[in-house]
Amino acid sequence: MADMLTARGTPAPPGPAVPSTFTFDAIGTRWCIDTDEPLGGEVRDRILDRIRRFDRTYSRFRPDSRCAPENALGQGRPGWRTLSAMARPSSRGARS
């Protein structure tokens, strides 16, 4: 499965003024890293590489992640909930 991580040159959402912002989308959300000085290309690449490795290991949405076998093992077993199902909000115990 191809990595879905992309760096963007778009500005960060409005907030306190900082000299430099590195903005990118990863693991299901937008990230902004504010620094006093711009991050060098090697540092940005290391950040993106680390996040790619984390996503490849722990993503419940990727069939090639370490979590995928756990999801697959329980398919069809009574009472078994996949990791994806466990992450969904439950309506049990909700108050009206």
Protein backbone atom coordinates (compact mmCIF):
# COMPACT_ATOMS: atom_id res chain seq x y z
CA MET A 1 0.00 0.00 0.00
CA ALA A 2 1.39 3.38 -0.93
CA ASP A 3 2.15 5.86 1.82
CA MET A 4 -0.51 8.54 2.13
CA LEU A 5 1.79 11.05 3.80
CA THR A 6 2.29 14.32 1.98
CA ALA A 7 3.99 17.57 2.92
CA ARG A 8 2.21 20.73 1.93
CA GLY A 9 3.44 24.22 1.33
CA THR A 10 0.19 25.65 2.63
CA PRO A 11 0.22 28.11 5.50
CA ALA A 12 -0.64 27.01 9.01
CA PRO A 13 -4.02 27.93 10.49
CA PRO A 14 -4.11 31.41 12.06
CA GLY A 15 -2.43 31.57 15.44
CA PRO A 16 0.43 33.28 17.21
CA ALA A 17 3.03 34.64 14.82
CA VAL A 18 6.04 32.34 14.48
CA PRO A 19 8.97 32.68 12.13
CA SER A 20 8.51 29.27 10.44
CA THR A 21 5.83 26.58 10.13
CA PHE A 22 6.23 23.12 8.59
CA THR A 23 2.76 21.82 7.67
CA PHE A 24 1.90 18.30 6.49
CA ASP A 25 -0.88 15.71 6.56
CA ALA A 26 -0.19 12.42 8.35
CA ILE A 27 -1.96 9.63 10.24
CA GLY A 28 -5.38 11.11 9.59
CA THR A 29 -4.81 14.74 10.56
CA ARG A 30 -2.97 17.94 9.64
CA TRP A 31 0.22 18.71 11.55
CA CYS A 32 1.96 22.06 11.99
CA ILE A 33 5.41 22.31 13.52
CA ASP A 34 6.26 25.87 14.51
CA THR A 35 9.93 26.72 14.95
CA ASP A 36 12.00 29.85 15.49
CA GLU A 37 14.02 29.04 12.37
CA PRO A 38 13.02 27.09 9.24
CA LEU A 39 13.66 23.36 9.44
CA GLY A 40 16.24 22.11 6.98
CA GLY A 41 15.29 19.63 4.29
CA GLU A 42 17.06 16.76 6.06
CA VAL A 43 15.17 17.43 9.31
CA ARG A 44 11.82 17.61 7.46
CA ASP A 45 12.65 14.35 5.66
CA ARG A 46 13.50 12.64 8.98
CA ILE A 47 10.21 13.80 10.51
CA LEU A 48 8.20 12.52 7.53
CA ASP A 49 10.14 9.23 7.49
CA ARG A 50 9.46 8.63 11.20
CA ILE A 51 5.76 9.27 10.73
CA ARG A 52 5.64 6.94 7.70
CA ARG A 53 7.23 4.17 9.79
CA PHE A 54 4.78 4.77 12.65
CA ASP A 55 1.81 4.67 10.25
CA ARG A 56 3.09 1.53 8.51
CA THR A 57 3.45 -0.18 11.90
CA TYR A 58 0.38 0.93 13.84
CA SER A 59 -2.32 2.06 11.39
CA ARG A 60 -5.58 0.20 11.81
CA PHE A 61 -6.50 1.21 8.25
CA ARG A 62 -3.55 -0.36 6.45
CA PRO A 63 -3.75 -4.06 5.57
CA ASP A 64 0.06 -4.27 5.80
CA SER A 65 0.40 -2.86 9.35
CA ARG A 66 1.24 -4.85 12.47
CA CYS A 67 -2.38 -4.36 13.59
CA ALA A 68 -3.80 -6.03 10.46
CA PRO A 69 -3.22 -9.65 11.62
CA GLU A 70 -5.00 -8.92 14.91
CA ASN A 71 -8.00 -7.60 13.01
CA ALA A 72 -7.97 -10.61 10.68
CA LEU A 73 -7.70 -13.21 13.48
CA GLY A 74 -10.98 -12.25 15.05
CA GLN A 75 -13.10 -12.09 11.91
CA GLY A 76 -16.20 -14.23 12.41
CA ARG A 77 -15.62 -15.08 16.08
CA PRO A 78 -18.56 -14.41 18.40
CA GLY A 79 -17.96 -11.39 20.60
CA TRP A 80 -14.71 -10.43 18.86
CA ARG A 81 -14.27 -6.79 18.00
CA THR A 82 -11.63 -5.72 15.52
CA LEU A 83 -9.20 -2.97 16.44
CA SER A 84 -11.06 -0.71 14.01
CA ALA A 85 -14.37 -1.46 15.72
CA MET A 86 -12.86 -0.83 19.14
CA ALA A 87 -11.70 2.60 17.99
CA ARG A 88 -15.20 3.65 16.95
CA PRO A 89 -17.27 5.57 19.51
CA SER A 90 -19.78 3.37 21.28
CA SER A 91 -23.38 4.31 21.94
CA ARG A 92 -23.46 1.96 24.93
CA GLY A 93 -23.92 3.85 28.14
CA ALA A 94 -24.79 7.04 26.30
CA ARG A 95 -27.19 9.27 28.14
CA SER A 96 -30.14 10.87 26.43
